[in-house]
Amino acid sequence: MNARLLPLAGFVLLLALLSFGIWWSQHHDLREVPSPLIDKPAPAFSLPLLYDPAQSLGSKELAGEPYLLNVFASWCFACREEHPILLNQGKRLGVKLVGFDYKDEAADAKRWLAQYGNPYDVVIADLPGNVAIDFGVTGAPETFLVDAQGVIRYKYISPITPDIIATELQPRIAALKGAKP
């Protein structure tokens, strides 16, 4: 190839990649990251309770009824966006709302929940983040809908919004319970 055409070829390639990236972002919801765990059993786990670390809660105790596992942390800025929505609508979802405190010091998480309110039925703590890795957590907030058999049915990355509750969570929860949304 002629050496003078190399910069032009590089520019054309860069332009093609940029165009593809723009097209992709307009046709795909970037918050929807496919999870290999959807329709697969949730990882087996047992974690200490935030407010009583001598006690633990895990997949065995949660089996038998659907639940939402909401990954949050006191250091998570986006968690502050979803928190009032969870406080307002969390109890009306009809499933247990499990707070999953991710890579957070217990004192910080307790202070944060005292300041902003606690929407959770129970809060478990994963300070080292090992269980979060098993769930494929990439950061907070993330929310998992787990059915009564312990199978992950839905994963959402980003703050939960009223629209996500109405269009994604409520229909899926109703389907798990055999009712119409």
N, C-alpha and C. Protein backbone atom coordinates (compact mmCIF):
# COMPACT_ATOMS: atom_id res chain seq x y z
N MET A 1 0.85 -1.17 0.00
CA MET A 1 0.00 0.00 0.00
C MET A 1 0.89 1.24 0.00
N ASN A 2 0.45 2.21 -0.68
CA ASN A 2 1.17 3.46 -0.77
C ASN A 2 1.21 4.11 0.61
N ALA A 3 2.37 4.52 1.07
CA ALA A 3 2.55 5.11 2.41
C ALA A 3 1.71 6.36 2.58
N ARG A 4 1.40 7.05 1.52
CA ARG A 4 0.61 8.28 1.63
C ARG A 4 -0.86 7.97 1.91
N LEU A 5 -1.31 6.76 1.62
CA LEU A 5 -2.71 6.40 1.85
C LEU A 5 -2.96 5.87 3.26
N LEU A 6 -1.88 5.57 4.00
CA LEU A 6 -2.05 5.03 5.35
C LEU A 6 -2.84 5.96 6.26
N PRO A 7 -2.54 7.26 6.35
CA PRO A 7 -3.34 8.13 7.22
C PRO A 7 -4.81 8.16 6.80
N LEU A 8 -5.08 8.16 5.51
CA LEU A 8 -6.46 8.16 5.03
C LEU A 8 -7.16 6.85 5.41
N ALA A 9 -6.48 5.73 5.27
CA ALA A 9 -7.06 4.44 5.64
C ALA A 9 -7.34 4.39 7.14
N GLY A 10 -6.43 4.91 7.95
CA GLY A 10 -6.63 4.97 9.40
C GLY A 10 -7.82 5.85 9.75
N PHE A 11 -7.95 6.97 9.09
CA PHE A 11 -9.07 7.88 9.34
C PHE A 11 -10.40 7.21 8.97
N VAL A 12 -10.45 6.54 7.85
CA VAL A 12 -11.67 5.85 7.41
C VAL A 12 -12.05 4.75 8.41
N LEU A 13 -11.06 4.00 8.89
CA LEU A 13 -11.32 2.96 9.88
C LEU A 13 -11.85 3.56 11.18
N LEU A 14 -11.24 4.64 11.65
CA LEU A 14 -11.68 5.32 12.86
C LEU A 14 -13.11 5.84 12.69
N LEU A 15 -13.40 6.40 11.55
CA LEU A 15 -14.75 6.91 11.26
C LEU A 15 -15.77 5.77 11.25
N ALA A 16 -15.40 4.64 10.71
CA ALA A 16 -16.30 3.49 10.68
C ALA A 16 -16.57 2.98 12.10
N LEU A 17 -15.55 2.90 12.93
CA LEU A 17 -15.73 2.45 14.31
C LEU A 17 -16.60 3.43 15.09
N LEU A 18 -16.37 4.71 14.92
CA LEU A 18 -17.18 5.73 15.59
C LEU A 18 -18.64 5.64 15.14
N SER A 19 -18.87 5.48 13.87
CA SER A 19 -20.23 5.36 13.35
C SER A 19 -20.93 4.14 13.92
N PHE A 20 -20.23 3.02 13.98
CA PHE A 20 -20.81 1.81 14.55
C PHE A 20 -21.15 2.02 16.02
N GLY A 21 -20.27 2.66 16.76
CA GLY A 21 -20.51 2.93 18.18
C GLY A 21 -21.74 3.79 18.40
N ILE A 22 -21.90 4.82 17.59
CA ILE A 22 -23.07 5.68 17.68
C ILE A 22 -24.32 4.89 17.33
N TRP A 23 -24.29 4.12 16.27
CA TRP A 23 -25.45 3.30 15.89
C TRP A 23 -25.80 2.33 17.01
N TRP A 24 -24.81 1.66 17.56
CA TRP A 24 -25.04 0.66 18.61
C TRP A 24 -25.71 1.30 19.83
N SER A 25 -25.20 2.46 20.26
CA SER A 25 -25.75 3.10 21.46
C SER A 25 -27.18 3.59 21.24
N GLN A 26 -27.56 3.88 20.00
CA GLN A 26 -28.92 4.33 19.72
C GLN A 26 -29.89 3.17 19.61
N HIS A 27 -29.42 1.98 19.38
CA HIS A 27 -30.29 0.82 19.18
C HIS A 27 -30.23 -0.19 20.34
N HIS A 28 -29.46 0.10 21.35
CA HIS A 28 -29.34 -0.81 22.49
C HIS A 28 -29.36 -0.01 23.79
N ASP A 29 -30.07 -0.52 24.79
CA ASP A 29 -30.07 0.10 26.11
C ASP A 29 -28.77 -0.28 26.79
N LEU A 30 -27.93 0.70 27.02
CA LEU A 30 -26.61 0.43 27.57
C LEU A 30 -26.67 -0.04 29.02
N ARG A 31 -27.84 0.12 29.68
CA ARG A 31 -27.99 -0.36 31.05
C ARG A 31 -28.32 -1.84 31.08
N GLU A 32 -28.72 -2.39 29.96
CA GLU A 32 -29.04 -3.81 29.89
C GLU A 32 -27.80 -4.59 29.47
N VAL A 33 -27.17 -5.13 30.46
CA VAL A 33 -25.98 -5.94 30.22
C VAL A 33 -26.41 -7.40 30.34
N PRO A 34 -26.29 -8.17 29.29
CA PRO A 34 -26.72 -9.57 29.38
C PRO A 34 -25.96 -10.29 30.48
N SER A 35 -26.69 -11.01 31.28
CA SER A 35 -26.07 -11.77 32.36
C SER A 35 -26.16 -13.25 32.04
N PRO A 36 -25.06 -13.96 32.17
CA PRO A 36 -25.11 -15.41 31.94
C PRO A 36 -25.90 -16.13 33.04
N LEU A 37 -26.26 -15.40 34.11
CA LEU A 37 -26.97 -16.03 35.22
C LEU A 37 -28.49 -16.00 35.06
N ILE A 38 -29.00 -15.25 34.08
CA ILE A 38 -30.45 -15.20 33.89
C ILE A 38 -30.95 -16.61 33.57
N ASP A 39 -32.02 -17.01 34.26
CA ASP A 39 -32.63 -18.33 34.14
C ASP A 39 -31.73 -19.46 34.63
N LYS A 40 -30.77 -19.10 35.48
CA LYS A 40 -29.89 -20.08 36.11
C LYS A 40 -29.99 -19.90 37.63
N PRO A 41 -29.68 -20.94 38.39
CA PRO A 41 -29.73 -20.80 39.85
C PRO A 41 -28.80 -19.69 40.35
N ALA A 42 -29.31 -18.92 41.29
CA ALA A 42 -28.47 -17.90 41.93
C ALA A 42 -27.33 -18.61 42.66
N PRO A 43 -26.18 -17.98 42.74
CA PRO A 43 -25.07 -18.60 43.47
C PRO A 43 -25.47 -18.87 44.92
N ALA A 44 -25.03 -20.00 45.44
CA ALA A 44 -25.26 -20.30 46.86
C ALA A 44 -24.41 -19.33 47.67
N PHE A 45 -25.01 -18.77 48.72
CA PHE A 45 -24.27 -17.82 49.55
C PHE A 45 -24.83 -17.81 50.96
N SER A 46 -24.04 -17.31 51.86
CA SER A 46 -24.45 -17.02 53.23
C SER A 46 -23.62 -15.83 53.68
N LEU A 47 -24.29 -14.75 54.05
CA LEU A 47 -23.60 -13.52 54.44
C LEU A 47 -24.11 -13.05 55.80
N PRO A 48 -23.27 -12.32 56.52
CA PRO A 48 -23.71 -11.80 57.81
C PRO A 48 -24.78 -10.71 57.63
N LEU A 49 -25.68 -10.64 58.61
CA LEU A 49 -26.66 -9.57 58.64
C LEU A 49 -25.94 -8.28 59.03
N LEU A 50 -26.30 -7.19 58.39
CA LEU A 50 -25.65 -5.91 58.68
C LEU A 50 -25.84 -5.52 60.15
N TYR A 51 -27.05 -5.69 60.66
CA TYR A 51 -27.35 -5.23 62.02
C TYR A 51 -27.07 -6.28 63.09
N ASP A 52 -26.73 -7.49 62.70
CA ASP A 52 -26.40 -8.55 63.64
C ASP A 52 -25.44 -9.52 62.97
N PRO A 53 -24.16 -9.12 62.87
CA PRO A 53 -23.18 -9.92 62.11
C PRO A 53 -22.95 -11.33 62.64
N ALA A 54 -23.39 -11.61 63.86
CA ALA A 54 -23.25 -12.97 64.38
C ALA A 54 -24.25 -13.90 63.69
N GLN A 55 -25.30 -13.33 63.11
CA GLN A 55 -26.31 -14.09 62.38
C GLN A 55 -26.03 -13.96 60.88
N SER A 56 -26.43 -14.95 60.12
CA SER A 56 -26.24 -14.88 58.67
C SER A 56 -27.55 -15.21 57.95
N LEU A 57 -27.59 -14.83 56.72
CA LEU A 57 -28.72 -15.12 55.85
C LEU A 57 -28.16 -15.49 54.50
N GLY A 58 -28.78 -16.46 53.87
CA GLY A 58 -28.28 -16.87 52.57
C GLY A 58 -29.34 -17.45 51.68
N SER A 59 -28.88 -18.05 50.63
CA SER A 59 -29.79 -18.58 49.61
C SER A 59 -30.70 -19.66 50.18
N LYS A 60 -30.24 -20.45 51.12
CA LYS A 60 -31.09 -21.50 51.71
C LYS A 60 -32.27 -20.90 52.45
N GLU A 61 -32.01 -19.85 53.23
CA GLU A 61 -33.08 -19.22 54.00
C GLU A 61 -34.05 -18.43 53.11
N LEU A 62 -33.56 -17.94 52.01
CA LEU A 62 -34.41 -17.14 51.12
C LEU A 62 -35.22 -18.01 50.15
N ALA A 63 -34.88 -19.27 50.04
CA ALA A 63 -35.59 -20.18 49.13
C ALA A 63 -37.05 -20.32 49.56
N GLY A 64 -37.92 -20.52 48.58
CA GLY A 64 -39.32 -20.77 48.86
C GLY A 64 -40.23 -19.61 48.53
N GLU A 65 -39.66 -18.42 48.35
CA GLU A 65 -40.46 -17.26 47.92
C GLU A 65 -39.57 -16.33 47.09
N PRO A 66 -40.17 -15.63 46.12
CA PRO A 66 -39.36 -14.72 45.31
C PRO A 66 -38.84 -13.55 46.15
N TYR A 67 -37.73 -13.00 45.73
CA TYR A 67 -37.20 -11.82 46.41
C TYR A 67 -36.40 -10.96 45.43
N LEU A 68 -36.27 -9.70 45.80
CA LEU A 68 -35.42 -8.76 45.07
C LEU A 68 -34.15 -8.58 45.87
N LEU A 69 -33.02 -8.74 45.24
CA LEU A 69 -31.73 -8.51 45.86
C LEU A 69 -31.20 -7.20 45.30
N ASN A 70 -31.12 -6.18 46.14
CA ASN A 70 -30.71 -4.85 45.69
C ASN A 70 -29.31 -4.53 46.23
N VAL A 71 -28.35 -4.44 45.31
CA VAL A 71 -26.96 -4.14 45.67
C VAL A 71 -26.82 -2.63 45.85
N PHE A 72 -26.34 -2.22 47.02
CA PHE A 72 -26.16 -0.81 47.32
C PHE A 72 -24.91 -0.62 48.16
N ALA A 73 -24.51 0.63 48.36
CA ALA A 73 -23.39 0.96 49.25
C ALA A 73 -23.50 2.42 49.64
N SER A 74 -22.95 2.74 50.80
CA SER A 74 -23.00 4.14 51.26
C SER A 74 -22.16 5.04 50.36
N TRP A 75 -21.16 4.50 49.71
CA TRP A 75 -20.28 5.29 48.83
C TRP A 75 -20.85 5.45 47.42
N CYS A 76 -21.98 4.82 47.16
CA CYS A 76 -22.56 4.80 45.81
C CYS A 76 -23.46 6.01 45.59
N PHE A 77 -23.01 6.92 44.74
CA PHE A 77 -23.79 8.13 44.46
C PHE A 77 -25.12 7.79 43.78
N ALA A 78 -25.10 6.88 42.82
CA ALA A 78 -26.33 6.52 42.10
C ALA A 78 -27.35 5.84 43.01
N CYS A 79 -26.88 5.20 44.08
CA CYS A 79 -27.80 4.55 45.03
C CYS A 79 -28.70 5.59 45.69
N ARG A 80 -28.20 6.80 45.85
CA ARG A 80 -29.01 7.88 46.43
C ARG A 80 -30.17 8.25 45.52
N GLU A 81 -30.00 8.07 44.22
CA GLU A 81 -31.09 8.35 43.27
C GLU A 81 -32.23 7.35 43.44
N GLU A 82 -31.90 6.08 43.58
CA GLU A 82 -32.94 5.06 43.65
C GLU A 82 -33.52 4.88 45.04
N HIS A 83 -32.80 5.31 46.06
CA HIS A 83 -33.20 5.05 47.43
C HIS A 83 -34.60 5.58 47.78
N PRO A 84 -34.95 6.82 47.44
CA PRO A 84 -36.30 7.30 47.75
C PRO A 84 -37.38 6.47 47.03
N ILE A 85 -37.07 5.96 45.87
CA ILE A 85 -38.04 5.15 45.12
C ILE A 85 -38.24 3.81 45.83
N LEU A 86 -37.15 3.22 46.31
CA LEU A 86 -37.27 1.98 47.07
C LEU A 86 -38.04 2.21 48.38
N LEU A 87 -37.80 3.35 49.03
CA LEU A 87 -38.53 3.67 50.26
C LEU A 87 -40.02 3.81 49.98
N ASN A 88 -40.34 4.45 48.87
CA ASN A 88 -41.73 4.73 48.53
C ASN A 88 -42.47 3.52 47.98
N GLN A 89 -41.80 2.72 47.16
CA GLN A 89 -42.50 1.65 46.45
C GLN A 89 -42.04 0.24 46.81
N GLY A 90 -40.96 0.11 47.54
CA GLY A 90 -40.39 -1.20 47.83
C GLY A 90 -41.34 -2.16 48.53
N LYS A 91 -42.06 -1.68 49.52
CA LYS A 91 -42.97 -2.56 50.28
C LYS A 91 -44.18 -2.97 49.45
N ARG A 92 -44.52 -2.18 48.44
CA ARG A 92 -45.69 -2.49 47.60
C ARG A 92 -45.40 -3.49 46.49
N LEU A 93 -44.15 -3.91 46.36
CA LEU A 93 -43.81 -4.85 45.29
C LEU A 93 -44.33 -6.26 45.55
N GLY A 94 -44.57 -6.57 46.82
CA GLY A 94 -45.12 -7.88 47.14
C GLY A 94 -44.10 -8.99 47.26
N VAL A 95 -42.82 -8.64 47.27
CA VAL A 95 -41.75 -9.61 47.50
C VAL A 95 -40.79 -9.04 48.53
N LYS A 96 -40.03 -9.92 49.14
CA LYS A 96 -39.03 -9.48 50.11
C LYS A 96 -37.96 -8.67 49.39
N LEU A 97 -37.62 -7.53 49.98
CA LEU A 97 -36.58 -6.67 49.44
C LEU A 97 -35.34 -6.86 50.31
N VAL A 98 -34.32 -7.48 49.73
CA VAL A 98 -33.09 -7.80 50.45
C VAL A 98 -32.02 -6.79 50.05
N GLY A 99 -31.54 -6.03 51.02
CA GLY A 99 -30.44 -5.11 50.78
C GLY A 99 -29.13 -5.87 50.81
N PHE A 100 -28.30 -5.65 49.81
CA PHE A 100 -27.00 -6.31 49.69
C PHE A 100 -25.94 -5.22 49.77
N ASP A 101 -25.41 -5.01 50.97
CA ASP A 101 -24.41 -3.96 51.19
C ASP A 101 -23.08 -4.43 50.61
N TYR A 102 -22.60 -3.71 49.60
CA TYR A 102 -21.48 -4.14 48.77
C TYR A 102 -20.20 -3.36 49.08
N LYS A 103 -19.17 -4.08 49.53
CA LYS A 103 -17.84 -3.49 49.76
C LYS A 103 -17.93 -2.21 50.58
N ASP A 104 -18.60 -2.32 51.71
CA ASP A 104 -18.91 -1.15 52.51
C ASP A 104 -18.67 -1.47 53.98
N GLU A 105 -18.08 -0.57 54.69
CA GLU A 105 -17.90 -0.75 56.13
C GLU A 105 -19.27 -0.73 56.80
N ALA A 106 -19.49 -1.62 57.75
CA ALA A 106 -20.79 -1.74 58.42
C ALA A 106 -21.23 -0.42 59.04
N ALA A 107 -20.33 0.29 59.70
CA ALA A 107 -20.70 1.56 60.33
C ALA A 107 -21.16 2.58 59.30
N ASP A 108 -20.52 2.60 58.14
CA ASP A 108 -20.91 3.54 57.08
C ASP A 108 -22.29 3.19 56.53
N ALA A 109 -22.53 1.90 56.31
CA ALA A 109 -23.82 1.47 55.79
C ALA A 109 -24.94 1.77 56.78
N LYS A 110 -24.71 1.49 58.05
CA LYS A 110 -25.72 1.76 59.08
C LYS A 110 -26.01 3.26 59.17
N ARG A 111 -24.98 4.06 59.11
CA ARG A 111 -25.15 5.53 59.16
C ARG A 111 -25.96 5.99 57.94
N TRP A 112 -25.64 5.45 56.77
CA TRP A 112 -26.31 5.83 55.53
C TRP A 112 -27.80 5.47 55.60
N LEU A 113 -28.10 4.25 56.06
CA LEU A 113 -29.49 3.82 56.17
C LEU A 113 -30.23 4.61 57.24
N ALA A 114 -29.56 4.99 58.31
CA ALA A 114 -30.19 5.82 59.34
C ALA A 114 -30.51 7.21 58.78
N GLN A 115 -29.63 7.72 57.96
CA GLN A 115 -29.81 9.06 57.38
C GLN A 115 -30.88 9.08 56.30
N TYR A 116 -30.88 8.11 55.41
CA TYR A 116 -31.77 8.12 54.25
C TYR A 116 -33.00 7.23 54.41
N GLY A 117 -33.02 6.38 55.43
CA GLY A 117 -34.13 5.46 55.64
C GLY A 117 -33.77 4.07 55.15
N ASN A 118 -34.45 3.07 55.72
CA ASN A 118 -34.15 1.68 55.37
C ASN A 118 -35.37 1.05 54.70
N PRO A 119 -35.33 0.87 53.39
CA PRO A 119 -36.46 0.27 52.67
C PRO A 119 -36.45 -1.26 52.71
N TYR A 120 -35.39 -1.85 53.25
CA TYR A 120 -35.18 -3.29 53.11
C TYR A 120 -35.86 -4.10 54.22
N ASP A 121 -36.28 -5.29 53.86
CA ASP A 121 -36.80 -6.22 54.85
C ASP A 121 -35.65 -6.81 55.67
N VAL A 122 -34.51 -6.96 55.03
CA VAL A 122 -33.30 -7.46 55.68
C VAL A 122 -32.11 -6.95 54.89
N VAL A 123 -30.98 -6.75 55.59
CA VAL A 123 -29.76 -6.26 54.92
C VAL A 123 -28.62 -7.22 55.24
N ILE A 124 -27.98 -7.71 54.20
CA ILE A 124 -26.80 -8.55 54.34
C ILE A 124 -25.58 -7.77 53.87
N ALA A 125 -24.41 -8.15 54.36
CA ALA A 125 -23.20 -7.38 54.08
C ALA A 125 -22.14 -8.26 53.42
N ASP A 126 -21.58 -7.74 52.33
CA ASP A 126 -20.50 -8.42 51.61
C ASP A 126 -19.31 -7.48 51.52
N LEU A 127 -18.62 -7.30 52.65
CA LEU A 127 -17.49 -6.37 52.70
C LEU A 127 -16.39 -6.73 51.70
N PRO A 128 -15.96 -7.99 51.61
CA PRO A 128 -14.90 -8.29 50.64
C PRO A 128 -15.39 -8.31 49.19
N GLY A 129 -16.69 -8.46 48.97
CA GLY A 129 -17.22 -8.48 47.61
C GLY A 129 -17.16 -9.83 46.92
N ASN A 130 -16.85 -10.89 47.65
CA ASN A 130 -16.71 -12.21 47.02
C ASN A 130 -18.03 -12.76 46.49
N VAL A 131 -19.10 -12.61 47.25
CA VAL A 131 -20.40 -13.10 46.79
C VAL A 131 -20.87 -12.26 45.60
N ALA A 132 -20.59 -10.96 45.66
CA ALA A 132 -20.94 -10.08 44.54
C ALA A 132 -20.29 -10.55 43.25
N ILE A 133 -19.07 -11.00 43.33
CA ILE A 133 -18.38 -11.54 42.15
C ILE A 133 -19.14 -12.74 41.61
N ASP A 134 -19.59 -13.61 42.51
CA ASP A 134 -20.35 -14.79 42.07
C ASP A 134 -21.63 -14.40 41.35
N PHE A 135 -22.23 -13.28 41.75
CA PHE A 135 -23.45 -12.79 41.11
C PHE A 135 -23.14 -12.00 39.83
N GLY A 136 -21.89 -11.73 39.57
CA GLY A 136 -21.52 -10.95 38.39
C GLY A 136 -21.75 -9.46 38.58
N VAL A 137 -21.74 -9.00 39.83
CA VAL A 137 -21.95 -7.57 40.10
C VAL A 137 -20.76 -6.79 39.57
N THR A 138 -21.07 -5.72 38.85
CA THR A 138 -20.02 -4.85 38.32
C THR A 138 -19.92 -3.55 39.10
N GLY A 139 -20.89 -3.29 39.95
CA GLY A 139 -20.92 -2.07 40.75
C GLY A 139 -22.29 -1.92 41.36
N ALA A 140 -22.48 -0.83 42.04
CA ALA A 140 -23.79 -0.56 42.64
C ALA A 140 -24.37 0.69 41.98
N PRO A 141 -25.69 0.75 41.86
CA PRO A 141 -26.69 -0.24 42.24
C PRO A 141 -26.94 -1.27 41.13
N GLU A 142 -27.28 -2.45 41.57
CA GLU A 142 -27.75 -3.51 40.69
C GLU A 142 -28.87 -4.23 41.43
N THR A 143 -29.83 -4.74 40.70
CA THR A 143 -30.97 -5.42 41.32
C THR A 143 -31.22 -6.73 40.59
N PHE A 144 -31.46 -7.78 41.38
CA PHE A 144 -31.74 -9.11 40.86
C PHE A 144 -33.12 -9.55 41.35
N LEU A 145 -33.93 -10.10 40.46
CA LEU A 145 -35.18 -10.74 40.86
C LEU A 145 -34.92 -12.24 40.84
N VAL A 146 -35.11 -12.86 42.01
CA VAL A 146 -34.86 -14.29 42.16
C VAL A 146 -36.19 -14.96 42.49
N ASP A 147 -36.50 -16.05 41.79
CA ASP A 147 -37.79 -16.72 42.02
C ASP A 147 -37.72 -17.63 43.25
N ALA A 148 -38.85 -18.26 43.56
CA ALA A 148 -38.95 -19.10 44.76
C ALA A 148 -38.03 -20.32 44.72
N GLN A 149 -37.64 -20.73 43.53
CA GLN A 149 -36.72 -21.87 43.40
C GLN A 149 -35.25 -21.43 43.42
N GLY A 150 -35.02 -20.14 43.59
CA GLY A 150 -33.65 -19.64 43.65
C GLY A 150 -33.03 -19.37 42.30
N VAL A 151 -33.86 -19.19 41.27
CA VAL A 151 -33.37 -18.93 39.91
C VAL A 151 -33.45 -17.43 39.63
N ILE A 152 -32.38 -16.87 39.11
CA ILE A 152 -32.36 -15.44 38.76
C ILE A 152 -33.20 -15.25 37.51
N ARG A 153 -34.22 -14.41 37.60
CA ARG A 153 -35.12 -14.17 36.47
C ARG A 153 -34.91 -12.82 35.80
N TYR A 154 -34.24 -11.90 36.51
CA TYR A 154 -34.06 -10.56 35.94
C TYR A 154 -32.91 -9.88 36.66
N LYS A 155 -32.16 -9.09 35.90
CA LYS A 155 -31.08 -8.29 36.47
C LYS A 155 -31.15 -6.89 35.86
N TYR A 156 -31.03 -5.89 36.72
CA TYR A 156 -31.04 -4.51 36.24
C TYR A 156 -29.84 -3.77 36.81
N ILE A 157 -29.09 -3.13 35.93
CA ILE A 157 -27.92 -2.35 36.32
C ILE A 157 -28.28 -0.88 36.15
N SER A 158 -28.21 -0.13 37.21
CA SER A 158 -28.54 1.30 37.27
C SER A 158 -29.57 1.50 38.36
N PRO A 159 -29.83 2.74 38.71
CA PRO A 159 -30.84 3.00 39.72
C PRO A 159 -32.23 2.57 39.26
N ILE A 160 -32.97 1.94 40.15
CA ILE A 160 -34.36 1.57 39.88
C ILE A 160 -35.17 2.87 39.78
N THR A 161 -36.06 2.92 38.81
CA THR A 161 -36.93 4.08 38.63
C THR A 161 -38.39 3.61 38.72
N PRO A 162 -39.32 4.54 38.89
CA PRO A 162 -40.74 4.13 38.86
C PRO A 162 -41.11 3.43 37.56
N ASP A 163 -40.53 3.87 36.45
CA ASP A 163 -40.81 3.24 35.16
C ASP A 163 -40.31 1.80 35.12
N ILE A 164 -39.13 1.55 35.64
CA ILE A 164 -38.59 0.18 35.69
C ILE A 164 -39.46 -0.68 36.58
N ILE A 165 -39.92 -0.14 37.69
CA ILE A 165 -40.81 -0.91 38.57
C ILE A 165 -42.09 -1.28 37.82
N ALA A 166 -42.68 -0.29 37.14
CA ALA A 166 -43.97 -0.52 36.45
C ALA A 166 -43.84 -1.42 35.23
N THR A 167 -42.79 -1.24 34.46
CA THR A 167 -42.71 -1.96 33.19
C THR A 167 -41.89 -3.25 33.24
N GLU A 168 -40.99 -3.36 34.19
CA GLU A 168 -40.10 -4.52 34.24
C GLU A 168 -40.35 -5.39 35.48
N LEU A 169 -40.31 -4.77 36.65
CA LEU A 169 -40.39 -5.57 37.89
C LEU A 169 -41.79 -6.07 38.20
N GLN A 170 -42.78 -5.19 38.21
CA GLN A 170 -44.14 -5.62 38.58
C GLN A 170 -44.67 -6.73 37.68
N PRO A 171 -44.54 -6.64 36.35
CA PRO A 171 -45.02 -7.75 35.53
C PRO A 171 -44.28 -9.06 35.81
N ARG A 172 -42.98 -8.99 36.03
CA ARG A 172 -42.21 -10.21 36.31
C ARG A 172 -42.58 -10.79 37.68
N ILE A 173 -42.76 -9.93 38.66
CA ILE A 173 -43.16 -10.40 39.99
C ILE A 173 -44.55 -11.03 39.92
N ALA A 174 -45.46 -10.38 39.21
CA ALA A 174 -46.82 -10.93 39.08
C ALA A 174 -46.76 -12.29 38.38
N ALA A 175 -45.94 -12.43 37.37
CA ALA A 175 -45.82 -13.70 36.66
C ALA A 175 -45.27 -14.78 37.60
N LEU A 176 -44.33 -14.42 38.45
CA LEU A 176 -43.77 -15.40 39.40
C LEU A 176 -44.82 -15.84 40.40
N LYS A 177 -45.73 -14.93 40.72
CA LYS A 177 -46.77 -15.25 41.69
C LYS A 177 -48.03 -15.80 41.03
N GLY A 178 -48.03 -15.89 39.68
CA GLY A 178 -49.16 -16.43 38.95
C GLY A 178 -50.34 -15.49 38.88
N ALA A 179 -50.08 -14.20 39.00
CA ALA A 179 -51.16 -13.21 38.94
C ALA A 179 -50.93 -12.27 37.77
N LYS A 180 -51.98 -11.53 37.42
CA LYS A 180 -51.84 -10.51 36.37
C LYS A 180 -51.24 -9.25 36.99
N PRO A 181 -50.38 -8.54 36.24
CA PRO A 181 -49.75 -7.32 36.78
C PRO A 181 -50.76 -6.22 37.02
